[in-house]
C-alpha atoms as a PDB file:
ATOM      1  CA  MET A   1     144.193 114.729 -11.213  1.00  0.00           C
ATOM      2  CA  GLY A   2     140.924 112.861 -11.889  1.00  0.00           C
ATOM      3  CA  SER A   3     141.579 109.515 -10.207  1.00  0.00           C
ATOM      4  CA  ALA A   4     143.765 111.009  -7.473  1.00  0.00           C
ATOM      5  CA  ALA A   5     140.955 113.374  -6.506  1.00  0.00           C
ATOM      6  CA  ILE A   6     138.451 110.530  -6.319  1.00  0.00           C
ATOM      7  CA  ILE A   7     140.799 108.441  -4.161  1.00  0.00           C
ATOM      8  CA  LEU A   8     141.446 111.410  -1.880  1.00  0.00           C
ATOM      9  CA  LEU A   9     137.704 112.070  -1.627  1.00  0.00           C
ATOM     10  CA  MET A  10     137.077 108.415  -0.686  1.00  0.00           C
ATOM     11  CA  ILE A  11     139.788 108.517   1.996  1.00  0.00           C
ATOM     12  CA  VAL A  12     138.479 111.781   3.435  1.00  0.00           C
ATOM     13  CA  GLY A  13     134.898 110.452   3.409  1.00  0.00           C
ATOM     14  CA  ILE A  14     135.849 107.235   5.189  1.00  0.00           C
ATOM     15  CA  ALA A  15     137.960 109.145   7.707  1.00  0.00           C
ATOM     16  CA  PHE A  16     135.123 111.610   8.328  1.00  0.00           C
ATOM     17  CA  ALA A  17     132.569 108.839   8.905  1.00  0.00           C
ATOM     18  CA  GLY A  18     134.941 106.741  11.010  1.00  0.00           C
ATOM     19  CA  GLY A  19     136.025 109.784  13.000  1.00  0.00           C
ATOM     20  CA  GLY A  20     132.426 110.592  13.856  1.00  0.00           C
ATOM     21  CA  ILE A  21     131.778 107.051  15.042  1.00  0.00           C
ATOM     22  CA  LEU A  22     134.965 106.965  17.115  1.00  0.00           C
ATOM     23  CA  LEU A  23     134.209 110.383  18.614  1.00  0.00           C
ATOM     24  CA  SER A  24     130.717 109.311  19.628  1.00  0.00           C
ATOM     25  CA  LYS A  25     132.093 106.132  21.217  1.00  0.00           C
ATOM     26  CA  ALA A  26     134.647 108.178  23.170  1.00  0.00           C
ATOM     27  CA  VAL A  27     132.300 110.942  24.337  1.00  0.00           C
ATOM     28  CA  ALA A  28     128.979 109.188  24.959  1.00  0.00           C
ATOM     29  CA  LYS A  29     128.632 107.074  28.048  1.00  0.00           C
ATOM     30  CA  SER A  30     127.281 103.636  27.323  1.00  0.00           C
ATOM     31  CA  THR A  31     125.236 101.502  29.647  1.00  0.00           C
ATOM     32  CA  LYS A  32     124.085  98.031  28.808  1.00  0.00           C
ATOM     33  CA  ASN A  33     120.694  96.835  29.963  1.00  0.00           C
ATOM     34  CA  THR A  34     117.980  94.557  28.650  1.00  0.00           C
ATOM     35  CA  VAL A  35     115.554  97.370  27.820  1.00  0.00           C
ATOM     36  CA  LYS A  36     117.988  98.966  25.357  1.00  0.00           C
ATOM     37  CA  GLY A  37     118.519  95.637  23.637  1.00  0.00           C
ATOM     38  CA  GLU A  38     114.835  95.120  22.831  1.00  0.00           C
ATOM     39  CA  PRO A  39     113.336  96.195  19.519  1.00  0.00           C
ATOM     40  CA  TYR A  40     111.133  99.255  19.650  1.00  0.00           C
ATOM     41  CA  GLU A  41     107.487  98.220  19.490  1.00  0.00           C
ATOM     42  CA  CYS A  42     105.589 101.483  20.086  1.00  0.00           C
ATOM     43  CA  GLY A  43     106.173 101.352  23.830  1.00  0.00           C
ATOM     44  CA  ILE A  44     104.530  97.967  24.246  1.00  0.00           C
ATOM     45  CA  PRO A  45     106.802  95.363  25.822  1.00  0.00           C
ATOM     46  CA  THR A  46     107.299  92.344  23.608  1.00  0.00           C
ATOM     47  CA  THR A  47     105.905  89.002  24.658  1.00  0.00           C
ATOM     48  CA  GLY A  48     107.195  85.797  23.190  1.00  0.00           C
ATOM     49  CA  THR A  49     109.428  85.708  20.164  1.00  0.00           C
ATOM     50  CA  SER A  50     109.800  88.750  17.942  1.00  0.00           C
ATOM     51  CA  TRP A  51     110.163  86.620  14.808  1.00  0.00           C
ATOM     52  CA  ILE A  52     106.656  86.317  13.440  1.00  0.00           C
ATOM     53  CA  GLN A  53     105.559  85.791   9.874  1.00  0.00           C
ATOM     54  CA  PHE A  54     103.975  88.813   8.212  1.00  0.00           C
ATOM     55  CA  ASN A  55     101.596  88.639   5.312  1.00  0.00           C
ATOM     56  CA  VAL A  56     103.399  89.383   2.055  1.00  0.00           C
ATOM     57  CA  GLY A  57     100.543  91.702   1.069  1.00  0.00           C
ATOM     58  CA  TYR A  58     101.876  94.418   3.374  1.00  0.00           C
ATOM     59  CA  TYR A  59     105.233  94.229   1.640  1.00  0.00           C
ATOM     60  CA  LEU A  60     103.673  94.380  -1.823  1.00  0.00           C
ATOM     61  CA  PHE A  61     101.487  97.319  -0.853  1.00  0.00           C
ATOM     62  CA  ALA A  62     104.501  99.236   0.489  1.00  0.00           C
ATOM     63  CA  LEU A  63     106.578  98.376  -2.566  1.00  0.00           C
ATOM     64  CA  ILE A  64     103.901  99.592  -4.960  1.00  0.00           C
ATOM     65  CA  PHE A  65     103.576 102.818  -2.969  1.00  0.00           C
ATOM     66  CA  LEU A  66     107.335 103.305  -3.110  1.00  0.00           C
ATOM     67  CA  ILE A  67     107.451 102.718  -6.858  1.00  0.00           C
ATOM     68  CA  PHE A  68     104.715 105.255  -7.577  1.00  0.00           C
ATOM     69  CA  ASP A  69     106.225 107.717  -5.118  1.00  0.00           C
ATOM     70  CA  VAL A  70     109.602 107.557  -6.854  1.00  0.00           C
ATOM     71  CA  GLU A  71     107.954 107.897 -10.253  1.00  0.00           C
ATOM     72  CA  LEU A  72     106.318 111.098  -9.068  1.00  0.00           C
ATOM     73  CA  ILE A  73     109.801 112.496  -8.425  1.00  0.00           C
ATOM     74  CA  TYR A  74     110.568 112.019 -12.128  1.00  0.00           C
ATOM     75  CA  MET A  75     107.427 113.893 -13.130  1.00  0.00           C
ATOM     76  CA  TYR A  76     108.365 117.098 -11.292  1.00  0.00           C
ATOM     77  CA  PRO A  77     111.322 118.038 -13.519  1.00  0.00           C
ATOM     78  CA  TRP A  78     109.153 117.369 -16.565  1.00  0.00           C
ATOM     79  CA  ALA A  79     106.506 119.740 -15.223  1.00  0.00           C
ATOM     80  CA  VAL A  80     109.141 122.441 -14.767  1.00  0.00           C
ATOM     81  CA  VAL A  81     110.335 122.278 -18.395  1.00  0.00           C
ATOM     82  CA  VAL A  82     107.056 121.301 -20.070  1.00  0.00           C
ATOM     83  CA  VAL A  83     106.945 124.435 -22.206  1.00  0.00           C
ATOM     84  CA  LYS A  84     110.533 124.039 -23.437  1.00  0.00           C
ATOM     85  CA  SER A  85     110.206 120.333 -24.250  1.00  0.00           C
ATOM     86  CA  GLY A  86     107.322 120.781 -26.673  1.00  0.00           C
ATOM     87  CA  ILE A  87     105.518 117.904 -28.393  1.00  0.00           C
ATOM     88  CA  PRO A  88     108.301 115.290 -27.932  1.00  0.00           C
ATOM     89  CA  GLY A  89     108.216 115.907 -24.187  1.00  0.00           C
ATOM     90  CA  LEU A  90     104.447 115.557 -24.159  1.00  0.00           C
ATOM     91  CA  ILE A  91     104.633 112.242 -26.027  1.00  0.00           C
ATOM     92  CA  GLU A  92     107.303 110.979 -23.625  1.00  0.00           C
ATOM     93  CA  ILE A  93     105.201 111.792 -20.548  1.00  0.00           C
ATOM     94  CA  ILE A  94     102.127 110.175 -22.117  1.00  0.00           C
ATOM     95  CA  VAL A  95     104.122 106.966 -22.689  1.00  0.00           C
ATOM     96  CA  PHE A  96     105.509 107.237 -19.147  1.00  0.00           C
ATOM     97  CA  MET A  97     102.014 107.663 -17.674  1.00  0.00           C
ATOM     98  CA  PHE A  98     100.716 104.752 -19.781  1.00  0.00           C
ATOM     99  CA  ILE A  99     103.443 102.480 -18.375  1.00  0.00           C
ATOM    100  CA  LEU A 100     102.589 103.609 -14.838  1.00  0.00           C
ATOM    101  CA  PHE A 101      98.891 103.034 -15.443  1.00  0.00           C
ATOM    102  CA  ALA A 102      99.591  99.581 -16.894  1.00  0.00           C
ATOM    103  CA  GLY A 103     101.597  98.736 -13.774  1.00  0.00           C
ATOM    104  CA  LEU A 104      98.759  99.946 -11.567  1.00  0.00           C
ATOM    105  CA  LEU A 105      96.228  97.866 -13.497  1.00  0.00           C
ATOM    106  CA  TYR A 106      98.493  94.815 -13.226  1.00  0.00           C
ATOM    107  CA  ALA A 107      98.838  95.252  -9.463  1.00  0.00           C
ATOM    108  CA  TRP A 108      95.090  95.737  -9.148  1.00  0.00           C
ATOM    109  CA  LYS A 109      94.381  92.619 -11.217  1.00  0.00           C
ATOM    110  CA  LYS A 110      96.784  90.530  -9.123  1.00  0.00           C
ATOM    111  CA  GLY A 111      95.096  91.742  -5.922  1.00  0.00           C
ATOM    112  CA  ALA A 112      98.158  93.500  -4.531  1.00  0.00           C
ATOM    113  CA  LEU A 113      96.089  96.570  -3.614  1.00  0.00           C
ATOM    114  CA  LYS A 114      93.616  94.720  -1.396  1.00  0.00           C
ATOM    115  CA  TRP A 115      94.185  95.543   2.229  1.00  0.00           C
ATOM    116  CA  MET A 116      94.118  92.501   4.461  1.00  0.00           C
END
């Protein structure tokens, strides 16, 4: 029953997603105009081409934030079971925090945290 259940779940999931898309296409009225085709730019109409080159520093800053934000998610379960994990759990979180701190120092040294 293992593989048959997975295949059935995949088929049902695809049918559910496809059915929702088809239902929205059938029910919603669609109008095509130039305003709907433009990218959303905070209400300001675009002038010129939308393809401009961004500074890579913004990307690096966002990526570093995302990495540390995801790492914080891994610290919450540890905080919940800190009493049960004992000394080995404490050593593991100290190593984990050291790796995070080393990554932060590396990013700082490379200048990835400087705002343009």
